[in-house]
Amino acid sequence: QERDGVLRLVFARSDVAAAWEESGAQAALEDALA
């Protein structure tokens, strides 16, 4: 979801959300967006 300059990712499964937090994937996404 994108709103007011914020890209929000919602994960239905807690294990996937935890993997997202631990993987460094957010930094990769932020770099790609930039």
Full PDB file with SEQRES, HELIX, SHEET, SSBOND, CRYST1, ORIGX, SCALE, CONECT and MASTER records, all heavy atoms in Angstrom:
SEQRES   1 A   34  GLN GLU ARG ASP GLY VAL LEU ARG LEU VAL PHE ALA ARG          
SEQRES   2 A   34  SER ASP VAL ALA ALA ALA TRP GLU GLU SER GLY ALA GLN          
SEQRES   3 A   34  ALA ALA LEU GLU ASP ALA LEU ALA                              
HELIX    1 AA1 SER A   14  SER A   23  1                                  10    
HELIX    2 AA2 ALA A   25  LEU A   33  1                                   9    
SHEET    1 AA1 2 GLU A   2  ARG A   3  0                                        
SHEET    2 AA1 2 VAL A   6  LEU A   7 -1                                        
CRYST1    1.000    1.000    1.000  90.00  90.00  90.00 P 1           1          
ORIGX1      1.000000  0.000000  0.000000        0.00000                         
ORIGX2      0.000000  1.000000  0.000000        0.00000                         
ORIGX3      0.000000  0.000000  1.000000        0.00000                         
SCALE1      1.000000  0.000000  0.000000        0.00000                         
SCALE2      0.000000  1.000000  0.000000        0.00000                         
SCALE3      0.000000  0.000000  1.000000        0.00000                         
ATOM      1  N   GLN A   1       0.860  -1.183   0.000  1.00  0.00           N  
ATOM      2  CA  GLN A   1       0.000   0.000   0.000  1.00  0.00           C  
ATOM      3  C   GLN A   1       0.896   1.232   0.000  1.00  0.00           C  
ATOM      4  O   GLN A   1       1.875   1.289   0.737  1.00  0.00           O  
ATOM      5  CB  GLN A   1      -0.873   0.015   1.255  1.00  0.00           C  
ATOM      6  CG  GLN A   1      -1.708  -1.227   1.433  1.00  0.00           C  
ATOM      7  CD  GLN A   1      -2.263  -1.359   2.835  1.00  0.00           C  
ATOM      8  OE1 GLN A   1      -1.757  -0.775   3.776  1.00  0.00           O  
ATOM      9  NE2 GLN A   1      -3.323  -2.151   2.969  1.00  0.00           N  
ATOM     10  N   GLU A   2       0.535   2.214  -0.848  1.00  0.00           N  
ATOM     11  CA  GLU A   2       1.299   3.463  -0.890  1.00  0.00           C  
ATOM     12  C   GLU A   2       0.355   4.608  -0.591  1.00  0.00           C  
ATOM     13  O   GLU A   2      -0.712   4.731  -1.196  1.00  0.00           O  
ATOM     14  CB  GLU A   2       1.943   3.634  -2.265  1.00  0.00           C  
ATOM     15  CG  GLU A   2       2.910   4.793  -2.335  1.00  0.00           C  
ATOM     16  CD  GLU A   2       2.264   6.102  -2.767  1.00  0.00           C  
ATOM     17  OE1 GLU A   2       1.320   6.061  -3.556  1.00  0.00           O  
ATOM     18  OE2 GLU A   2       2.702   7.153  -2.296  1.00  0.00           O  
ATOM     19  N   ARG A   3       0.757   5.426   0.381  1.00  0.00           N  
ATOM     20  CA  ARG A   3      -0.063   6.575   0.741  1.00  0.00           C  
ATOM     21  C   ARG A   3       0.811   7.643   1.399  1.00  0.00           C  
ATOM     22  O   ARG A   3       1.589   7.345   2.301  1.00  0.00           O  
ATOM     23  CB  ARG A   3      -1.151   6.142   1.721  1.00  0.00           C  
ATOM     24  CG  ARG A   3      -2.109   7.242   2.059  1.00  0.00           C  
ATOM     25  CD  ARG A   3      -3.230   6.734   2.910  1.00  0.00           C  
ATOM     26  NE  ARG A   3      -4.098   7.845   3.263  1.00  0.00           N  
ATOM     27  CZ  ARG A   3      -5.063   7.769   4.126  1.00  0.00           C  
ATOM     28  NH1 ARG A   3      -5.313   6.636   4.738  1.00  0.00           N  
ATOM     29  NH2 ARG A   3      -5.788   8.817   4.386  1.00  0.00           N  
ATOM     30  N   ASP A   4       0.672   8.852   0.914  1.00  0.00           N  
ATOM     31  CA  ASP A   4       1.374  10.005   1.497  1.00  0.00           C  
ATOM     32  C   ASP A   4       2.872   9.780   1.654  1.00  0.00           C  
ATOM     33  O   ASP A   4       3.465  10.110   2.678  1.00  0.00           O  
ATOM     34  CB  ASP A   4       0.763  10.367   2.857  1.00  0.00           C  
ATOM     35  CG  ASP A   4      -0.707  10.747   2.753  1.00  0.00           C  
ATOM     36  OD1 ASP A   4      -1.089  11.363   1.736  1.00  0.00           O  
ATOM     37  OD2 ASP A   4      -1.476  10.417   3.684  1.00  0.00           O  
ATOM     38  N   GLY A   5       3.504   9.206   0.652  1.00  0.00           N  
ATOM     39  CA  GLY A   5       4.953   9.027   0.674  1.00  0.00           C  
ATOM     40  C   GLY A   5       5.439   7.857   1.501  1.00  0.00           C  
ATOM     41  O   GLY A   5       6.630   7.727   1.766  1.00  0.00           O  
ATOM     42  N   VAL A   6       4.517   7.001   1.933  1.00  0.00           N  
ATOM     43  CA  VAL A   6       4.886   5.824   2.716  1.00  0.00           C  
ATOM     44  C   VAL A   6       4.460   4.570   1.947  1.00  0.00           C  
ATOM     45  O   VAL A   6       3.309   4.452   1.538  1.00  0.00           O  
ATOM     46  CB  VAL A   6       4.218   5.837   4.113  1.00  0.00           C  
ATOM     47  CG1 VAL A   6       4.531   4.558   4.868  1.00  0.00           C  
ATOM     48  CG2 VAL A   6       4.658   7.054   4.907  1.00  0.00           C  
ATOM     49  N   LEU A   7       5.391   3.673   1.760  1.00  0.00           N  
ATOM     50  CA  LEU A   7       5.107   2.385   1.160  1.00  0.00           C  
ATOM     51  C   LEU A   7       5.007   1.381   2.304  1.00  0.00           C  
ATOM     52  O   LEU A   7       5.982   1.116   3.002  1.00  0.00           O  
ATOM     53  CB  LEU A   7       6.213   1.965   0.192  1.00  0.00           C  
ATOM     54  CG  LEU A   7       5.962   0.700  -0.606  1.00  0.00           C  
ATOM     55  CD1 LEU A   7       4.856   0.944  -1.628  1.00  0.00           C  
ATOM     56  CD2 LEU A   7       7.227   0.245  -1.298  1.00  0.00           C  
ATOM     57  N   ARG A   8       3.805   0.874   2.520  1.00  0.00           N  
ATOM     58  CA  ARG A   8       3.573  -0.045   3.636  1.00  0.00           C  
ATOM     59  C   ARG A   8       3.449  -1.458   3.095  1.00  0.00           C  
ATOM     60  O   ARG A   8       2.675  -1.720   2.172  1.00  0.00           O  
ATOM     61  CB  ARG A   8       2.308   0.339   4.378  1.00  0.00           C  
ATOM     62  CG  ARG A   8       2.019  -0.558   5.553  1.00  0.00           C  
ATOM     63  CD  ARG A   8       0.717  -0.166   6.212  1.00  0.00           C  
ATOM     64  NE  ARG A   8       0.275  -1.279   7.012  1.00  0.00           N  
ATOM     65  CZ  ARG A   8       0.085  -1.227   8.307  1.00  0.00           C  
ATOM     66  NH1 ARG A   8       0.253  -0.102   8.948  1.00  0.00           N  
ATOM     67  NH2 ARG A   8      -0.317  -2.289   8.973  1.00  0.00           N  
ATOM     68  N   LEU A   9       4.214  -2.363   3.685  1.00  0.00           N  
ATOM     69  CA  LEU A   9       4.174  -3.775   3.330  1.00  0.00           C  
ATOM     70  C   LEU A   9       3.489  -4.512   4.467  1.00  0.00           C  
ATOM     71  O   LEU A   9       3.882  -4.385   5.619  1.00  0.00           O  
ATOM     72  CB  LEU A   9       5.588  -4.327   3.147  1.00  0.00           C  
ATOM     73  CG  LEU A   9       6.498  -3.554   2.197  1.00  0.00           C  
ATOM     74  CD1 LEU A   9       7.890  -4.149   2.223  1.00  0.00           C  
ATOM     75  CD2 LEU A   9       5.924  -3.542   0.799  1.00  0.00           C  
ATOM     76  N   VAL A  10       2.467  -5.263   4.131  1.00  0.00           N  
ATOM     77  CA  VAL A  10       1.745  -6.039   5.142  1.00  0.00           C  
ATOM     78  C   VAL A  10       1.938  -7.512   4.819  1.00  0.00           C  
ATOM     79  O   VAL A  10       1.595  -7.966   3.729  1.00  0.00           O  
ATOM     80  CB  VAL A  10       0.246  -5.683   5.160  1.00  0.00           C  
ATOM     81  CG1 VAL A  10      -0.491  -6.500   6.208  1.00  0.00           C  
ATOM     82  CG2 VAL A  10       0.058  -4.187   5.416  1.00  0.00           C  
ATOM     83  N   PHE A  11       2.491  -8.232   5.781  1.00  0.00           N  
ATOM     84  CA  PHE A  11       2.710  -9.668   5.639  1.00  0.00           C  
ATOM     85  C   PHE A  11       1.684 -10.407   6.480  1.00  0.00           C  
ATOM     86  O   PHE A  11       1.545 -10.135   7.671  1.00  0.00           O  
ATOM     87  CB  PHE A  11       4.124 -10.047   6.093  1.00  0.00           C  
ATOM     88  CG  PHE A  11       5.214  -9.410   5.262  1.00  0.00           C  
ATOM     89  CD1 PHE A  11       5.877  -8.283   5.713  1.00  0.00           C  
ATOM     90  CD2 PHE A  11       5.558  -9.931   4.025  1.00  0.00           C  
ATOM     91  CE1 PHE A  11       6.877  -7.697   4.957  1.00  0.00           C  
ATOM     92  CE2 PHE A  11       6.555  -9.348   3.259  1.00  0.00           C  
ATOM     93  CZ  PHE A  11       7.216  -8.229   3.725  1.00  0.00           C  
ATOM     94  N   ALA A  12       0.970 -11.348   5.872  1.00  0.00           N  
ATOM     95  CA  ALA A  12      -0.063 -12.101   6.581  1.00  0.00           C  
ATOM     96  C   ALA A  12       0.543 -13.114   7.551  1.00  0.00           C  
ATOM     97  O   ALA A  12      -0.064 -13.436   8.561  1.00  0.00           O  
ATOM     98  CB  ALA A  12      -0.971 -12.818   5.582  1.00  0.00           C  
ATOM     99  N   ARG A  13       1.734 -13.572   7.241  1.00  0.00           N  
ATOM    100  CA  ARG A  13       2.371 -14.588   8.091  1.00  0.00           C  
ATOM    101  C   ARG A  13       3.496 -13.964   8.898  1.00  0.00           C  
ATOM    102  O   ARG A  13       4.338 -13.245   8.371  1.00  0.00           O  
ATOM    103  CB  ARG A  13       2.924 -15.714   7.223  1.00  0.00           C  
ATOM    104  CG  ARG A  13       1.835 -16.502   6.529  1.00  0.00           C  
ATOM    105  CD  ARG A  13       2.362 -17.576   5.611  1.00  0.00           C  
ATOM    106  NE  ARG A  13       3.658 -18.112   5.956  1.00  0.00           N  
ATOM    107  CZ  ARG A  13       4.423 -18.791   5.098  1.00  0.00           C  
ATOM    108  NH1 ARG A  13       4.021 -18.979   3.852  1.00  0.00           N  
ATOM    109  NH2 ARG A  13       5.587 -19.273   5.477  1.00  0.00           N  
ATOM    110  N   SER A  14       3.508 -14.277  10.184  1.00  0.00           N  
ATOM    111  CA  SER A  14       4.524 -13.704  11.077  1.00  0.00           C  
ATOM    112  C   SER A  14       5.928 -14.195  10.742  1.00  0.00           C  
ATOM    113  O   SER A  14       6.897 -13.457  10.909  1.00  0.00           O  
ATOM    114  CB  SER A  14       4.191 -14.007  12.536  1.00  0.00           C  
ATOM    115  OG  SER A  14       4.167 -15.410  12.758  1.00  0.00           O  
ATOM    116  N   ASP A  15       6.062 -15.425  10.237  1.00  0.00           N  
ATOM    117  CA  ASP A  15       7.392 -15.920   9.888  1.00  0.00           C  
ATOM    118  C   ASP A  15       7.973 -15.171   8.689  1.00  0.00           C  
ATOM    119  O   ASP A  15       9.164 -14.911   8.623  1.00  0.00           O  
ATOM    120  CB  ASP A  15       7.385 -17.434   9.652  1.00  0.00           C  
ATOM    121  CG  ASP A  15       6.475 -17.869   8.515  1.00  0.00           C  
ATOM    122  OD1 ASP A  15       5.439 -17.210   8.260  1.00  0.00           O  
ATOM    123  OD2 ASP A  15       6.789 -18.901   7.878  1.00  0.00           O  
ATOM    124  N   VAL A  16       7.111 -14.786   7.763  1.00  0.00           N  
ATOM    125  CA  VAL A  16       7.575 -14.011   6.603  1.00  0.00           C  
ATOM    126  C   VAL A  16       7.946 -12.599   7.051  1.00  0.00           C  
ATOM    127  O   VAL A  16       8.972 -12.053   6.624  1.00  0.00           O  
ATOM    128  CB  VAL A  16       6.512 -13.990   5.483  1.00  0.00           C  
ATOM    129  CG1 VAL A  16       6.960 -13.115   4.328  1.00  0.00           C  
ATOM    130  CG2 VAL A  16       6.217 -15.407   5.002  1.00  0.00           C  
ATOM    131  N   ALA A  17       7.149 -12.016   7.939  1.00  0.00           N  
ATOM    132  CA  ALA A  17       7.475 -10.681   8.474  1.00  0.00           C  
ATOM    133  C   ALA A  17       8.803 -10.718   9.219  1.00  0.00           C  
ATOM    134  O   ALA A  17       9.631  -9.805   9.084  1.00  0.00           O  
ATOM    135  CB  ALA A  17       6.354 -10.193   9.389  1.00  0.00           C  
ATOM    136  N   ALA A  18       9.030 -11.766   9.990  1.00  0.00           N  
ATOM    137  CA  ALA A  18      10.302 -11.898  10.718  1.00  0.00           C  
ATOM    138  C   ALA A  18      11.465 -12.062   9.746  1.00  0.00           C  
ATOM    139  O   ALA A  18      12.529 -11.454   9.933  1.00  0.00           O  
ATOM    140  CB  ALA A  18      10.233 -13.085  11.670  1.00  0.00           C  
ATOM    141  N   ALA A  19      11.259 -12.853   8.704  1.00  0.00           N  
ATOM    142  CA  ALA A  19      12.315 -13.020   7.695  1.00  0.00           C  
ATOM    143  C   ALA A  19      12.625 -11.697   7.019  1.00  0.00           C  
ATOM    144  O   ALA A  19      13.782 -11.388   6.735  1.00  0.00           O  
ATOM    145  CB  ALA A  19      11.888 -14.070   6.664  1.00  0.00           C  
ATOM    146  N   TRP A  20      11.588 -10.887   6.754  1.00  0.00           N  
ATOM    147  CA  TRP A  20      11.787  -9.572   6.153  1.00  0.00           C  
ATOM    148  C   TRP A  20      12.677  -8.720   7.057  1.00  0.00           C  
ATOM    149  O   TRP A  20      13.625  -8.101   6.606  1.00  0.00           O  
ATOM    150  CB  TRP A  20      10.443  -8.882   5.919  1.00  0.00           C  
ATOM    151  CG  TRP A  20      10.586  -7.506   5.355  1.00  0.00           C  
ATOM    152  CD1 TRP A  20      10.576  -6.327   6.047  1.00  0.00           C  
ATOM    153  CD2 TRP A  20      10.802  -7.150   3.987  1.00  0.00           C  
ATOM    154  NE1 TRP A  20      10.761  -5.272   5.202  1.00  0.00           N  
ATOM    155  CE2 TRP A  20      10.901  -5.751   3.917  1.00  0.00           C  
ATOM    156  CE3 TRP A  20      10.904  -7.890   2.815  1.00  0.00           C  
ATOM    157  CZ2 TRP A  20      11.100  -5.079   2.730  1.00  0.00           C  
ATOM    158  CZ3 TRP A  20      11.113  -7.216   1.633  1.00  0.00           C  
ATOM    159  CH2 TRP A  20      11.209  -5.827   1.597  1.00  0.00           C  
ATOM    160  N   GLU A  21      12.370  -8.711   8.335  1.00  0.00           N  
ATOM    161  CA  GLU A  21      13.130  -7.895   9.297  1.00  0.00           C  
ATOM    162  C   GLU A  21      14.589  -8.342   9.393  1.00  0.00           C  
ATOM    163  O   GLU A  21      15.483  -7.514   9.517  1.00  0.00           O  
ATOM    164  CB  GLU A  21      12.474  -7.974  10.681  1.00  0.00           C  
ATOM    165  CG  GLU A  21      11.124  -7.312  10.755  1.00  0.00           C  
ATOM    166  CD  GLU A  21      11.180  -5.809  10.584  1.00  0.00           C  
ATOM    167  OE1 GLU A  21      12.163  -5.184  11.015  1.00  0.00           O  
ATOM    168  OE2 GLU A  21      10.229  -5.262  10.006  1.00  0.00           O  
ATOM    169  N   GLU A  22      14.822  -9.631   9.351  1.00  0.00           N  
ATOM    170  CA  GLU A  22      16.161 -10.183   9.577  1.00  0.00           C  
ATOM    171  C   GLU A  22      17.032 -10.229   8.325  1.00  0.00           C  
ATOM    172  O   GLU A  22      18.247 -10.345   8.424  1.00  0.00           O  
ATOM    173  CB  GLU A  22      16.042 -11.592  10.155  1.00  0.00           C  
ATOM    174  CG  GLU A  22      15.383 -11.622  11.518  1.00  0.00           C  
ATOM    175  CD  GLU A  22      15.029 -13.022  11.978  1.00  0.00           C  
ATOM    176  OE1 GLU A  22      15.392 -14.002  11.282  1.00  0.00           O  
ATOM    177  OE2 GLU A  22      14.377 -13.140  13.026  1.00  0.00           O  
ATOM    178  N   SER A  23      16.425 -10.142   7.155  1.00  0.00           N  
ATOM    179  CA  SER A  23      17.154 -10.414   5.912  1.00  0.00           C  
ATOM    180  C   SER A  23      17.916  -9.237   5.331  1.00  0.00           C  
ATOM    181  O   SER A  23      18.776  -9.431   4.481  1.00  0.00           O  
ATOM    182  CB  SER A  23      16.171 -10.911   4.851  1.00  0.00           C  
ATOM    183  OG  SER A  23      15.308  -9.848   4.474  1.00  0.00           O  
ATOM    184  N   GLY A  24      17.575  -8.032   5.719  1.00  0.00           N  
ATOM    185  CA  GLY A  24      18.157  -6.875   5.052  1.00  0.00           C  
ATOM    186  C   GLY A  24      17.438  -6.533   3.760  1.00  0.00           C  
ATOM    187  O   GLY A  24      17.884  -5.682   2.988  1.00  0.00           O  
ATOM    188  N   ALA A  25      16.309  -7.198   3.519  1.00  0.00           N  
ATOM    189  CA  ALA A  25      15.567  -6.973   2.295  1.00  0.00           C  
ATOM    190  C   ALA A  25      15.013  -5.556   2.212  1.00  0.00           C  
ATOM    191  O   ALA A  25      14.897  -4.995   1.122  1.00  0.00           O  
ATOM    192  CB  ALA A  25      14.427  -7.995   2.172  1.00  0.00           C  
ATOM    193  N   GLN A  26      14.677  -4.970   3.359  1.00  0.00           N  
ATOM    194  CA  GLN A  26      14.139  -3.610   3.326  1.00  0.00           C  
ATOM    195  C   GLN A  26      15.157  -2.630   2.765  1.00  0.00           C  
ATOM    196  O   GLN A  26      14.814  -1.760   1.971  1.00  0.00           O  
ATOM    197  CB  GLN A  26      13.669  -3.170   4.712  1.00  0.00           C  
ATOM    198  CG  GLN A  26      13.034  -1.787   4.664  1.00  0.00           C  
ATOM    199  CD  GLN A  26      12.163  -1.488   5.848  1.00  0.00           C  
ATOM    200  OE1 GLN A  26      11.560  -2.379   6.426  1.00  0.00           O  
ATOM    201  NE2 GLN A  26      12.082  -0.227   6.204  1.00  0.00           N  
ATOM    202  N   ALA A  27      16.397  -2.778   3.161  1.00  0.00           N  
ATOM    203  CA  ALA A  27      17.443  -1.900   2.628  1.00  0.00           C  
ATOM    204  C   ALA A  27      17.577  -2.078   1.121  1.00  0.00           C  
ATOM    205  O   ALA A  27      17.752  -1.092   0.391  1.00  0.00           O  
ATOM    206  CB  ALA A  27      18.771  -2.180   3.318  1.00  0.00           C  
ATOM    207  N   ALA A  28      17.463  -3.314   0.652  1.00  0.00           N  
ATOM    208  CA  ALA A  28      17.540  -3.561  -0.794  1.00  0.00           C  
ATOM    209  C   ALA A  28      16.370  -2.904  -1.521  1.00  0.00           C  
ATOM    210  O   ALA A  28      16.547  -2.312  -2.587  1.00  0.00           O  
ATOM    211  CB  ALA A  28      17.561  -5.066  -1.071  1.00  0.00           C  
ATOM    212  N   LEU A  29      15.174  -2.999  -0.930  1.00  0.00           N  
ATOM    213  CA  LEU A  29      14.008  -2.354  -1.529  1.00  0.00           C  
ATOM    214  C   LEU A  29      14.163  -0.838  -1.535  1.00  0.00           C  
ATOM    215  O   LEU A  29      13.883  -0.176  -2.533  1.00  0.00           O  
ATOM    216  CB  LEU A  29      12.730  -2.752  -0.784  1.00  0.00           C  
ATOM    217  CG  LEU A  29      11.444  -2.053  -1.235  1.00  0.00           C  
ATOM    218  CD1 LEU A  29      11.156  -2.304  -2.708  1.00  0.00           C  
ATOM    219  CD2 LEU A  29      10.274  -2.495  -0.361  1.00  0.00           C  
ATOM    220  N   GLU A  30      14.614  -0.281  -0.424  1.00  0.00           N  
ATOM    221  CA  GLU A  30      14.810   1.172  -0.344  1.00  0.00           C  
ATOM    222  C   GLU A  30      15.822   1.637  -1.373  1.00  0.00           C  
ATOM    223  O   GLU A  30      15.639   2.677  -2.011  1.00  0.00           O  
ATOM    224  CB  GLU A  30      15.216   1.573   1.069  1.00  0.00           C  
ATOM    225  CG  GLU A  30      14.088   1.411   2.068  1.00  0.00           C  
ATOM    226  CD  GLU A  30      14.533   1.545   3.519  1.00  0.00           C  
ATOM    227  OE1 GLU A  30      15.749   1.449   3.800  1.00  0.00           O  
ATOM    228  OE2 GLU A  30      13.642   1.716   4.377  1.00  0.00           O  
ATOM    229  N   ASP A  31      16.894   0.884  -1.559  1.00  0.00           N  
ATOM    230  CA  ASP A  31      17.897   1.229  -2.578  1.00  0.00           C  
ATOM    231  C   ASP A  31      17.291   1.190  -3.974  1.00  0.00           C  
ATOM    232  O   ASP A  31      17.539   2.069  -4.793  1.00  0.00           O  
ATOM    233  CB  ASP A  31      19.094   0.280  -2.503  1.00  0.00           C  
ATOM    234  CG  ASP A  31      19.957   0.505  -1.271  1.00  0.00           C  
ATOM    235  OD1 ASP A  31      19.792   1.540  -0.587  1.00  0.00           O  
ATOM    236  OD2 ASP A  31      20.789  -0.387  -0.991  1.00  0.00           O  
ATOM    237  N   ALA A  32      16.487   0.158  -4.249  1.00  0.00           N  
ATOM    238  CA  ALA A  32      15.859   0.035  -5.562  1.00  0.00           C  
ATOM    239  C   ALA A  32      14.871   1.172  -5.812  1.00  0.00           C  
ATOM    240  O   ALA A  32      14.813   1.722  -6.915  1.00  0.00           O  
ATOM    241  CB  ALA A  32      15.155  -1.314  -5.679  1.00  0.00           C  
ATOM    242  N   LEU A  33      14.107   1.523  -4.779  1.00  0.00           N  
ATOM    243  CA  LEU A  33      13.165   2.640  -4.910  1.00  0.00           C  
ATOM    244  C   LEU A  33      13.907   3.945  -5.186  1.00  0.00           C  
ATOM    245  O   LEU A  33      13.512   4.724  -6.066  1.00  0.00           O  
ATOM    246  CB  LEU A  33      12.318   2.781  -3.638  1.00  0.00           C  
ATOM    247  CG  LEU A  33      11.254   1.713  -3.420  1.00  0.00           C  
ATOM    248  CD1 LEU A  33      10.730   1.787  -1.992  1.00  0.00           C  
ATOM    249  CD2 LEU A  33      10.122   1.871  -4.421  1.00  0.00           C  
ATOM    250  N   ALA A  34      14.965   4.190  -4.446  1.00  0.00           N  
ATOM    251  CA  ALA A  34      15.748   5.416  -4.641  1.00  0.00           C  
ATOM    252  C   ALA A  34      16.353   5.448  -6.042  1.00  0.00           C  
ATOM    253  O   ALA A  34      16.338   6.487  -6.707  1.00  0.00           O  
ATOM    254  CB  ALA A  34      16.841   5.523  -3.588  1.00  0.00           C  
TER     255      ALA A  34                                                      
MASTER        0    0    0    2    2    0    0    6  254    1    0    3          
END                                                                             
